[in-house]
Structures are given as C-alpha cells and as structure tokens.
C-alpha cells in the first residue's frame, strides 16, 4: 500500500507506486528475500491511465530481463479513497 510510516498518502501514480515498491522492499528484506526472489506481482489499480508510470517505477526494482509474472486488476476502489494502487508480491525463498 502507498501509505507512509506517518499514515500519509502521496498523490499521483509515480509517488504512490514508488512508495508501494519501497514498502515491499522493506517487507522482502525483513523476510530475508530480495526482488530477485519475487516470482509474481499482482496489481490492483483504480484506473489504467497510470500503467506506463507503474511499469517505469517497477523497472527500477525488478530485473527487467526476467521480470516476475504479473496480473493487473482494475477495481472500483481500494480501502481508502485516495489510494490509486496496491501491489501484492509473492516471493519464493529457499530455506
């Protein structure tokens, strides 16, 4: 989710998407994983007009030569009306 530690939500596709991927980076790190371990991304977006921006920001985090599989779902809304995007990441880490 693009919610900062202080509870604020940035405006715009780029800012929200970047915060989502930064938050996911933190979660992956805490789990002992990296973006190289991510095998699937699912995007939930309230509109599709920001997809070029979403892909551009995503490319800053994933290996663009072997990106994870992905799905995109357009939704009527997310749990807060100011959210544009939510991303679910599935990582596979050897134990």
PDB file of N, CA and C in Angstrom:
ATOM      1  N   UNK A   1       0.826  -1.177   0.000  1.00  0.00           N
ATOM      2  CA  UNK A   1       0.000   0.000   0.000  1.00  0.00           C
ATOM      3  C   UNK A   1       0.870   1.240   0.000  1.00  0.00           C
ATOM      4  N   UNK A   2       0.438   2.276  -0.650  1.00  0.00           N
ATOM      5  CA  UNK A   2       1.239   3.505  -0.674  1.00  0.00           C
ATOM      6  C   UNK A   2       0.966   4.403   0.529  1.00  0.00           C
ATOM      7  N   UNK A   3       1.135   3.842   1.709  1.00  0.00           N
ATOM      8  CA  UNK A   3       0.918   4.622   2.927  1.00  0.00           C
ATOM      9  C   UNK A   3       2.258   4.761   3.641  1.00  0.00           C
ATOM     10  N   UNK A   4       2.645   5.993   3.893  1.00  0.00           N
ATOM     11  CA  UNK A   4       3.912   6.267   4.562  1.00  0.00           C
ATOM     12  C   UNK A   4       3.812   5.895   6.041  1.00  0.00           C
ATOM     13  N   UNK A   5       4.958   5.844   6.694  1.00  0.00           N
ATOM     14  CA  UNK A   5       5.002   5.489   8.112  1.00  0.00           C
ATOM     15  C   UNK A   5       4.159   6.425   8.973  1.00  0.00           C
ATOM     16  N   UNK A   6       4.021   7.682   8.544  1.00  0.00           N
ATOM     17  CA  UNK A   6       3.226   8.639   9.309  1.00  0.00           C
ATOM     18  C   UNK A   6       1.735   8.588   8.958  1.00  0.00           C
ATOM     19  N   UNK A   7       1.343   7.640   8.098  1.00  0.00           N
ATOM     20  CA  UNK A   7      -0.057   7.485   7.729  1.00  0.00           C
ATOM     21  C   UNK A   7      -0.486   8.305   6.532  1.00  0.00           C
ATOM     22  N   UNK A   8       0.425   9.098   5.996  1.00  0.00           N
ATOM     23  CA  UNK A   8       0.073   9.934   4.848  1.00  0.00           C
ATOM     24  C   UNK A   8       0.139   9.134   3.546  1.00  0.00           C
ATOM     25  N   UNK A   9      -0.575   9.622   2.551  1.00  0.00           N
ATOM     26  CA  UNK A   9      -0.601   9.005   1.235  1.00  0.00           C
ATOM     27  C   UNK A   9      -0.171  10.052   0.216  1.00  0.00           C
ATOM     28  N   UNK A  10       0.903   9.791  -0.531  1.00  0.00           N
ATOM     29  CA  UNK A  10       1.302  10.760  -1.546  1.00  0.00           C
ATOM     30  C   UNK A  10       0.277  10.804  -2.680  1.00  0.00           C
ATOM     31  N   UNK A  11       0.285  11.871  -3.431  1.00  0.00           N
ATOM     32  CA  UNK A  11      -0.643  11.965  -4.552  1.00  0.00           C
ATOM     33  C   UNK A  11       0.088  11.573  -5.834  1.00  0.00           C
ATOM     34  N   UNK A  12      -0.642  11.043  -6.774  1.00  0.00           N
ATOM     35  CA  UNK A  12      -0.084  10.732  -8.083  1.00  0.00           C
ATOM     36  C   UNK A  12       0.419   9.315  -8.215  1.00  0.00           C
ATOM     37  N   UNK A  13       0.387   8.857  -9.454  1.00  0.00           N
ATOM     38  CA  UNK A  13       0.795   7.481  -9.762  1.00  0.00           C
ATOM     39  C   UNK A  13       2.253   7.211  -9.415  1.00  0.00           C
ATOM     40  N   UNK A  14       3.151   8.097  -9.815  1.00  0.00           N
ATOM     41  CA  UNK A  14       4.570   7.839  -9.580  1.00  0.00           C
ATOM     42  C   UNK A  14       4.893   7.774  -8.100  1.00  0.00           C
ATOM     43  N   UNK A  15       4.410   8.734  -7.347  1.00  0.00           N
ATOM     44  CA  UNK A  15       4.717   8.782  -5.916  1.00  0.00           C
ATOM     45  C   UNK A  15       4.114   7.587  -5.180  1.00  0.00           C
ATOM     46  N   UNK A  16       2.874   7.240  -5.486  1.00  0.00           N
ATOM     47  CA  UNK A  16       2.245   6.106  -4.812  1.00  0.00           C
ATOM     48  C   UNK A  16       2.914   4.790  -5.201  1.00  0.00           C
ATOM     49  N   UNK A  17       3.205   4.629  -6.481  1.00  0.00           N
ATOM     50  CA  UNK A  17       3.835   3.380  -6.927  1.00  0.00           C
ATOM     51  C   UNK A  17       5.221   3.225  -6.328  1.00  0.00           C
ATOM     52  N   UNK A  18       5.991   4.299  -6.311  1.00  0.00           N
ATOM     53  CA  UNK A  18       7.338   4.233  -5.732  1.00  0.00           C
ATOM     54  C   UNK A  18       7.265   3.862  -4.248  1.00  0.00           C
ATOM     55  N   UNK A  19       6.324   4.441  -3.516  1.00  0.00           N
ATOM     56  CA  UNK A  19       6.181   4.124  -2.093  1.00  0.00           C
ATOM     57  C   UNK A  19       5.764   2.670  -1.899  1.00  0.00           C
ATOM     58  N   UNK A  20       4.879   2.161  -2.748  1.00  0.00           N
ATOM     59  CA  UNK A  20       4.486   0.751  -2.671  1.00  0.00           C
ATOM     60  C   UNK A  20       5.719  -0.135  -2.828  1.00  0.00           C
ATOM     61  N   UNK A  21       6.527   0.134  -3.854  1.00  0.00           N
ATOM     62  CA  UNK A  21       7.700  -0.705  -4.089  1.00  0.00           C
ATOM     63  C   UNK A  21       8.753  -0.531  -3.001  1.00  0.00           C
ATOM     64  N   UNK A  22       8.890   0.651  -2.446  1.00  0.00           N
ATOM     65  CA  UNK A  22       9.797   0.840  -1.314  1.00  0.00           C
ATOM     66  C   UNK A  22       9.307   0.067  -0.094  1.00  0.00           C
ATOM     67  N   UNK A  23       7.995   0.114   0.161  1.00  0.00           N
ATOM     68  CA  UNK A  23       7.434  -0.648   1.275  1.00  0.00           C
ATOM     69  C   UNK A  23       7.626  -2.144   1.065  1.00  0.00           C
ATOM     70  N   UNK A  24       7.413  -2.606  -0.159  1.00  0.00           N
ATOM     71  CA  UNK A  24       7.623  -4.028  -0.450  1.00  0.00           C
ATOM     72  C   UNK A  24       9.093  -4.411  -0.283  1.00  0.00           C
ATOM     73  N   UNK A  25      10.005  -3.527  -0.643  1.00  0.00           N
ATOM     74  CA  UNK A  25      11.435  -3.796  -0.445  1.00  0.00           C
ATOM     75  C   UNK A  25      11.720  -4.042   1.033  1.00  0.00           C
ATOM     76  N   UNK A  26      11.130  -3.236   1.893  1.00  0.00           N
ATOM     77  CA  UNK A  26      11.311  -3.419   3.329  1.00  0.00           C
ATOM     78  C   UNK A  26      10.756  -4.748   3.818  1.00  0.00           C
ATOM     79  N   UNK A  27       9.595  -5.122   3.322  1.00  0.00           N
ATOM     80  CA  UNK A  27       8.978  -6.395   3.714  1.00  0.00           C
ATOM     81  C   UNK A  27       9.831  -7.567   3.227  1.00  0.00           C
ATOM     82  N   UNK A  28      10.294  -7.482   1.994  1.00  0.00           N
ATOM     83  CA  UNK A  28      11.147  -8.545   1.458  1.00  0.00           C
ATOM     84  C   UNK A  28      12.422  -8.681   2.285  1.00  0.00           C
ATOM     85  N   UNK A  29      13.037  -7.559   2.618  1.00  0.00           N
ATOM     86  CA  UNK A  29      14.261  -7.579   3.413  1.00  0.00           C
ATOM     87  C   UNK A  29      14.026  -8.228   4.768  1.00  0.00           C
ATOM     88  N   UNK A  30      12.930  -7.860   5.411  1.00  0.00           N
ATOM     89  CA  UNK A  30      12.592  -8.442   6.721  1.00  0.00           C
ATOM     90  C   UNK A  30      12.395  -9.958   6.630  1.00  0.00           C
ATOM     91  N   UNK A  31      11.934 -10.423   5.477  1.00  0.00           N
ATOM     92  CA  UNK A  31      11.696 -11.857   5.283  1.00  0.00           C
ATOM     93  C   UNK A  31      12.930 -12.585   4.767  1.00  0.00           C
ATOM     94  N   UNK A  32      14.035 -11.868   4.612  1.00  0.00           N
ATOM     95  CA  UNK A  32      15.260 -12.482   4.107  1.00  0.00           C
ATOM     96  C   UNK A  32      15.221 -12.715   2.602  1.00  0.00           C
ATOM     97  N   UNK A  33      14.443 -11.916   1.906  1.00  0.00           N
ATOM     98  CA  UNK A  33      14.296 -12.062   0.454  1.00  0.00           C
ATOM     99  C   UNK A  33      14.734 -10.776  -0.237  1.00  0.00           C
ATOM    100  N   UNK A  34      14.844 -10.869  -1.557  1.00  0.00           N
ATOM    101  CA  UNK A  34      15.154  -9.710  -2.379  1.00  0.00           C
ATOM    102  C   UNK A  34      14.182  -9.694  -3.554  1.00  0.00           C
ATOM    103  N   UNK A  35      14.278  -8.670  -4.364  1.00  0.00           N
ATOM    104  CA  UNK A  35      13.425  -8.607  -5.550  1.00  0.00           C
ATOM    105  C   UNK A  35      13.705  -9.760  -6.500  1.00  0.00           C
ATOM    106  N   UNK A  36      14.901 -10.329  -6.462  1.00  0.00           N
ATOM    107  CA  UNK A  36      15.228 -11.480  -7.312  1.00  0.00           C
ATOM    108  C   UNK A  36      14.405 -12.707  -6.922  1.00  0.00           C
ATOM    109  N   UNK A  37      13.889 -12.738  -5.708  1.00  0.00           N
ATOM    110  CA  UNK A  37      13.080 -13.858  -5.230  1.00  0.00           C
ATOM    111  C   UNK A  37      11.596 -13.717  -5.579  1.00  0.00           C
ATOM    112  N   UNK A  38      11.186 -12.551  -6.050  1.00  0.00           N
ATOM    113  CA  UNK A  38       9.776 -12.306  -6.360  1.00  0.00           C
ATOM    114  C   UNK A  38       9.425 -13.003  -7.677  1.00  0.00           C
ATOM    115  N   UNK A  39       8.410 -13.863  -7.611  1.00  0.00           N
ATOM    116  CA  UNK A  39       8.003 -14.630  -8.784  1.00  0.00           C
ATOM    117  C   UNK A  39       6.682 -14.153  -9.367  1.00  0.00           C
ATOM    118  N   UNK A  40       5.914 -13.374  -8.601  1.00  0.00           N
ATOM    119  CA  UNK A  40       4.596 -12.937  -9.085  1.00  0.00           C
ATOM    120  C   UNK A  40       4.229 -11.619  -8.429  1.00  0.00           C
ATOM    121  N   UNK A  41       3.741 -10.686  -9.233  1.00  0.00           N
ATOM    122  CA  UNK A  41       3.198  -9.424  -8.746  1.00  0.00           C
ATOM    123  C   UNK A  41       1.754  -9.326  -9.194  1.00  0.00           C
ATOM    124  N   UNK A  42       0.896  -8.892  -8.301  1.00  0.00           N
ATOM    125  CA  UNK A  42      -0.497  -8.624  -8.655  1.00  0.00           C
ATOM    126  C   UNK A  42      -0.765  -7.169  -8.323  1.00  0.00           C
ATOM    127  N   UNK A  43      -1.206  -6.444  -9.331  1.00  0.00           N
ATOM    128  CA  UNK A  43      -1.502  -5.019  -9.191  1.00  0.00           C
ATOM    129  C   UNK A  43      -3.004  -4.832  -9.082  1.00  0.00           C
ATOM    130  N   UNK A  44      -3.419  -4.021  -8.137  1.00  0.00           N
ATOM    131  CA  UNK A  44      -4.808  -3.607  -8.005  1.00  0.00           C
ATOM    132  C   UNK A  44      -4.803  -2.094  -8.215  1.00  0.00           C
ATOM    133  N   UNK A  45      -5.460  -1.640  -9.269  1.00  0.00           N
ATOM    134  CA  UNK A  45      -5.455  -0.218  -9.604  1.00  0.00           C
ATOM    135  C   UNK A  45      -6.883   0.283  -9.760  1.00  0.00           C
ATOM    136  N   UNK A  46      -7.071   1.563  -9.457  1.00  0.00           N
ATOM    137  CA  UNK A  46      -8.395   2.149  -9.581  1.00  0.00           C
ATOM    138  C   UNK A  46      -8.664   2.684 -10.984  1.00  0.00           C
ATOM    139  N   UNK A  47      -7.619   2.794 -11.799  1.00  0.00           N
ATOM    140  CA  UNK A  47      -7.735   3.237 -13.185  1.00  0.00           C
ATOM    141  C   UNK A  47      -6.513   2.721 -13.933  1.00  0.00           C
ATOM    142  N   UNK A  48      -6.590   2.698 -15.233  1.00  0.00           N
ATOM    143  CA  UNK A  48      -5.466   2.181 -16.010  1.00  0.00           C
ATOM    144  C   UNK A  48      -4.633   3.279 -16.661  1.00  0.00           C
ATOM    145  N   UNK A  49      -4.961   4.526 -16.415  1.00  0.00           N
ATOM    146  CA  UNK A  49      -4.225   5.612 -17.052  1.00  0.00           C
ATOM    147  C   UNK A  49      -2.808   5.801 -16.514  1.00  0.00           C
ATOM    148  N   UNK A  50      -2.459   5.155 -15.419  1.00  0.00           N
ATOM    149  CA  UNK A  50      -1.122   5.284 -14.855  1.00  0.00           C
ATOM    150  C   UNK A  50      -0.207   4.117 -15.145  1.00  0.00           C
ATOM    151  N   UNK A  51      -0.599   3.219 -16.040  1.00  0.00           N
ATOM    152  CA  UNK A  51       0.179   1.992 -16.238  1.00  0.00           C
ATOM    153  C   UNK A  51       1.597   2.227 -16.754  1.00  0.00           C
ATOM    154  N   UNK A  52       1.789   3.178 -17.635  1.00  0.00           N
ATOM    155  CA  UNK A  52       3.140   3.460 -18.129  1.00  0.00           C
ATOM    156  C   UNK A  52       4.030   3.871 -16.960  1.00  0.00           C
ATOM    157  N   UNK A  53       3.514   4.687 -16.080  1.00  0.00           N
ATOM    158  CA  UNK A  53       4.265   5.123 -14.903  1.00  0.00           C
ATOM    159  C   UNK A  53       4.515   3.964 -13.955  1.00  0.00           C
ATOM    160  N   UNK A  54       3.508   3.139 -13.731  1.00  0.00           N
ATOM    161  CA  UNK A  54       3.656   1.977 -12.851  1.00  0.00           C
ATOM    162  C   UNK A  54       4.765   1.070 -13.369  1.00  0.00           C
ATOM    163  N   UNK A  55       4.763   0.785 -14.651  1.00  0.00           N
ATOM    164  CA  UNK A  55       5.809  -0.084 -15.232  1.00  0.00           C
ATOM    165  C   UNK A  55       7.185   0.550 -15.112  1.00  0.00           C
ATOM    166  N   UNK A  56       7.264   1.838 -15.324  1.00  0.00           N
ATOM    167  CA  UNK A  56       8.546   2.535 -15.235  1.00  0.00           C
ATOM    168  C   UNK A  56       9.125   2.443 -13.825  1.00  0.00           C
ATOM    169  N   UNK A  57       8.303   2.679 -12.825  1.00  0.00           N
ATOM    170  CA  UNK A  57       8.767   2.580 -11.437  1.00  0.00           C
ATOM    171  C   UNK A  57       9.114   1.126 -11.110  1.00  0.00           C
ATOM    172  N   UNK A  58       8.258   0.181 -11.524  1.00  0.00           N
ATOM    173  CA  UNK A  58       8.545  -1.235 -11.281  1.00  0.00           C
ATOM    174  C   UNK A  58       9.920  -1.619 -11.817  1.00  0.00           C
ATOM    175  N   UNK A  59      10.254  -1.099 -12.999  1.00  0.00           N
ATOM    176  CA  UNK A  59      11.521  -1.441 -13.636  1.00  0.00           C
ATOM    177  C   UNK A  59      12.736  -0.966 -12.858  1.00  0.00           C
ATOM    178  N   UNK A  60      12.554  -0.046 -11.931  1.00  0.00           N
ATOM    179  CA  UNK A  60      13.643   0.393 -11.061  1.00  0.00           C
ATOM    180  C   UNK A  60      13.952  -0.652  -9.987  1.00  0.00           C
ATOM    181  N   UNK A  61      13.034  -1.581  -9.753  1.00  0.00           N
ATOM    182  CA  UNK A  61      13.163  -2.545  -8.656  1.00  0.00           C
ATOM    183  C   UNK A  61      13.402  -3.974  -9.131  1.00  0.00           C
ATOM    184  N   UNK A  62      12.816  -4.366 -10.249  1.00  0.00           N
ATOM    185  CA  UNK A  62      12.920  -5.753 -10.705  1.00  0.00           C
ATOM    186  C   UNK A  62      13.937  -5.870 -11.831  1.00  0.00           C
ATOM    187  N   UNK A  63      14.381  -7.088 -12.075  1.00  0.00           N
ATOM    188  CA  UNK A  63      15.255  -7.387 -13.207  1.00  0.00           C
ATOM    189  C   UNK A  63      14.395  -7.365 -14.460  1.00  0.00           C
ATOM    190  N   UNK A  64      14.575  -6.359 -15.293  1.00  0.00           N
ATOM    191  CA  UNK A  64      13.713  -6.214 -16.468  1.00  0.00           C
ATOM    192  C   UNK A  64      13.984  -7.275 -17.528  1.00  0.00           C
ATOM    193  N   UNK A  65      15.123  -7.982 -17.426  1.00  0.00           N
ATOM    194  CA  UNK A  65      15.382  -9.062 -18.379  1.00  0.00           C
ATOM    195  C   UNK A  65      14.635 -10.334 -17.998  1.00  0.00           C
ATOM    196  N   UNK A  66      14.265 -10.450 -16.732  1.00  0.00           N
ATOM    197  CA  UNK A  66      13.479 -11.581 -16.238  1.00  0.00           C
ATOM    198  C   UNK A  66      12.499 -11.084 -15.177  1.00  0.00           C
ATOM    199  N   UNK A  67      11.540 -10.278 -15.573  1.00  0.00           N
ATOM    200  CA  UNK A  67      10.607  -9.756 -14.573  1.00  0.00           C
ATOM    201  C   UNK A  67       9.697 -10.855 -14.046  1.00  0.00           C
ATOM    202  N   UNK A  68       9.169 -10.670 -12.851  1.00  0.00           N
ATOM    203  CA  UNK A  68       8.226 -11.653 -12.326  1.00  0.00           C
ATOM    204  C   UNK A  68       6.944 -11.661 -13.155  1.00  0.00           C
ATOM    205  N   UNK A  69       6.242 -12.767 -13.113  1.00  0.00           N
ATOM    206  CA  UNK A  69       4.920 -12.824 -13.737  1.00  0.00           C
ATOM    207  C   UNK A  69       4.052 -11.771 -13.067  1.00  0.00           C
ATOM    208  N   UNK A  70       3.050 -11.288 -13.784  1.00  0.00           N
ATOM    209  CA  UNK A  70       2.201 -10.276 -13.164  1.00  0.00           C
ATOM    210  C   UNK A  70       0.781 -10.338 -13.695  1.00  0.00           C
ATOM    211  N   UNK A  71      -0.118  -9.842 -12.868  1.00  0.00           N
ATOM    212  CA  UNK A  71      -1.531  -9.695 -13.215  1.00  0.00           C
ATOM    213  C   UNK A  71      -1.950  -8.310 -12.786  1.00  0.00           C
ATOM    214  N   UNK A  72      -2.906  -7.757 -13.507  1.00  0.00           N
ATOM    215  CA  UNK A  72      -3.431  -6.452 -13.174  1.00  0.00           C
ATOM    216  C   UNK A  72      -4.938  -6.547 -13.064  1.00  0.00           C
ATOM    217  N   UNK A  73      -5.474  -5.991 -11.984  1.00  0.00           N
ATOM    218  CA  UNK A  73      -6.915  -5.990 -11.764  1.00  0.00           C
ATOM    219  C   UNK A  73      -7.342  -4.550 -11.539  1.00  0.00           C
ATOM    220  N   UNK A  74      -8.279  -4.078 -12.357  1.00  0.00           N
ATOM    221  CA  UNK A  74      -8.846  -2.757 -12.111  1.00  0.00           C
ATOM    222  C   UNK A  74     -10.013  -2.923 -11.149  1.00  0.00           C
ATOM    223  N   UNK A  75      -9.984  -2.131 -10.081  1.00  0.00           N
ATOM    224  CA  UNK A  75     -11.002  -2.218  -9.043  1.00  0.00           C
ATOM    225  C   UNK A  75     -11.767  -0.903  -8.943  1.00  0.00           C
ATOM    226  N   UNK A  76     -12.965  -0.968  -8.406  1.00  0.00           N
ATOM    227  CA  UNK A  76     -13.776   0.243  -8.242  1.00  0.00           C
ATOM    228  C   UNK A  76     -13.181   1.172  -7.195  1.00  0.00           C
ATOM    229  N   UNK A  77     -12.476   0.618  -6.245  1.00  0.00           N
ATOM    230  CA  UNK A  77     -11.855   1.422  -5.198  1.00  0.00           C
ATOM    231  C   UNK A  77     -11.041   0.545  -4.276  1.00  0.00           C
ATOM    232  N   UNK A  78     -10.146   1.169  -3.544  1.00  0.00           N
ATOM    233  CA  UNK A  78      -9.361   0.477  -2.527  1.00  0.00           C
ATOM    234  C   UNK A  78      -9.863   0.934  -1.161  1.00  0.00           C
ATOM    235  N   UNK A  79      -9.262   0.471  -0.093  1.00  0.00           N
ATOM    236  CA  UNK A  79      -9.854   0.704   1.226  1.00  0.00           C
ATOM    237  C   UNK A  79      -9.829   2.162   1.658  1.00  0.00           C
ATOM    238  N   UNK A  80      -9.037   2.992   0.991  1.00  0.00           N
ATOM    239  CA  UNK A  80      -9.066   4.441   1.215  1.00  0.00           C
ATOM    240  C   UNK A  80      -9.286   5.111  -0.132  1.00  0.00           C
ATOM    241  N   UNK A  81     -10.114   6.107  -0.208  1.00  0.00           N
ATOM    242  CA  UNK A  81     -10.441   6.720  -1.497  1.00  0.00           C
ATOM    243  C   UNK A  81      -9.270   7.430  -2.167  1.00  0.00           C
ATOM    244  N   UNK A  82      -8.206   7.753  -1.414  1.00  0.00           N
ATOM    245  CA  UNK A  82      -7.062   8.441  -2.011  1.00  0.00           C
ATOM    246  C   UNK A  82      -6.004   7.486  -2.570  1.00  0.00           C
ATOM    247  N   UNK A  83      -6.225   6.183  -2.429  1.00  0.00           N
ATOM    248  CA  UNK A  83      -5.277   5.204  -2.962  1.00  0.00           C
ATOM    249  C   UNK A  83      -5.566   4.915  -4.420  1.00  0.00           C
ATOM    250  N   UNK A  84      -4.513   4.877  -5.227  1.00  0.00           N
ATOM    251  CA  UNK A  84      -4.617   4.553  -6.649  1.00  0.00           C
ATOM    252  C   UNK A  84      -4.177   3.129  -6.944  1.00  0.00           C
ATOM    253  N   UNK A  85      -3.289   2.591  -6.105  1.00  0.00           N
ATOM    254  CA  UNK A  85      -2.650   1.313  -6.408  1.00  0.00           C
ATOM    255  C   UNK A  85      -2.338   0.534  -5.134  1.00  0.00           C
ATOM    256  N   UNK A  86      -2.403  -0.768  -5.267  1.00  0.00           N
ATOM    257  CA  UNK A  86      -1.932  -1.692  -4.246  1.00  0.00           C
ATOM    258  C   UNK A  86      -1.250  -2.819  -4.999  1.00  0.00           C
ATOM    259  N   UNK A  87      -0.161  -3.327  -4.476  1.00  0.00           N
ATOM    260  CA  UNK A  87       0.583  -4.386  -5.144  1.00  0.00           C
ATOM    261  C   UNK A  87       0.829  -5.523  -4.166  1.00  0.00           C
ATOM    262  N   UNK A  88       0.560  -6.721  -4.629  1.00  0.00           N
ATOM    263  CA  UNK A  88       0.833  -7.930  -3.858  1.00  0.00           C
ATOM    264  C   UNK A  88       2.025  -8.622  -4.511  1.00  0.00           C
ATOM    265  N   UNK A  89       3.016  -8.990  -3.713  1.00  0.00           N
ATOM    266  CA  UNK A  89       4.212  -9.663  -4.231  1.00  0.00           C
ATOM    267  C   UNK A  89       4.322 -11.050  -3.607  1.00  0.00           C
ATOM    268  N   UNK A  90       4.602 -12.031  -4.441  1.00  0.00           N
ATOM    269  CA  UNK A  90       4.820 -13.394  -3.995  1.00  0.00           C
ATOM    270  C   UNK A  90       6.276 -13.739  -4.246  1.00  0.00           C
ATOM    271  N   UNK A  91       6.996 -14.085  -3.180  1.00  0.00           N
ATOM    272  CA  UNK A  91       8.418 -14.413  -3.295  1.00  0.00           C
ATOM    273  C   UNK A  91       8.634 -15.870  -2.898  1.00  0.00           C
ATOM    274  N   UNK A  92       9.575 -16.499  -3.562  1.00  0.00           N
ATOM    275  CA  UNK A  92       9.944 -17.873  -3.241  1.00  0.00           C
ATOM    276  C   UNK A  92      11.396 -17.868  -2.766  1.00  0.00           C
ATOM    277  N   UNK A  93      11.595 -18.264  -1.508  1.00  0.00           N
ATOM    278  CA  UNK A  93      12.916 -18.240  -0.913  1.00  0.00           C
ATOM    279  C   UNK A  93      13.272 -19.649  -0.456  1.00  0.00           C
ATOM    280  N   UNK A  94      14.430 -20.118  -0.858  1.00  0.00           N
ATOM    281  CA  UNK A  94      14.882 -21.443  -0.425  1.00  0.00           C
ATOM    282  C   UNK A  94      15.206 -21.397   1.058  1.00  0.00           C
ATOM    283  N   UNK A  95      14.824 -22.456   1.766  1.00  0.00           N
ATOM    284  CA  UNK A  95      15.103 -22.475   3.216  1.00  0.00           C
ATOM    285  C   UNK A  95      16.318 -23.293   3.536  1.00  0.00           C
TER     286      UNK A  95
END
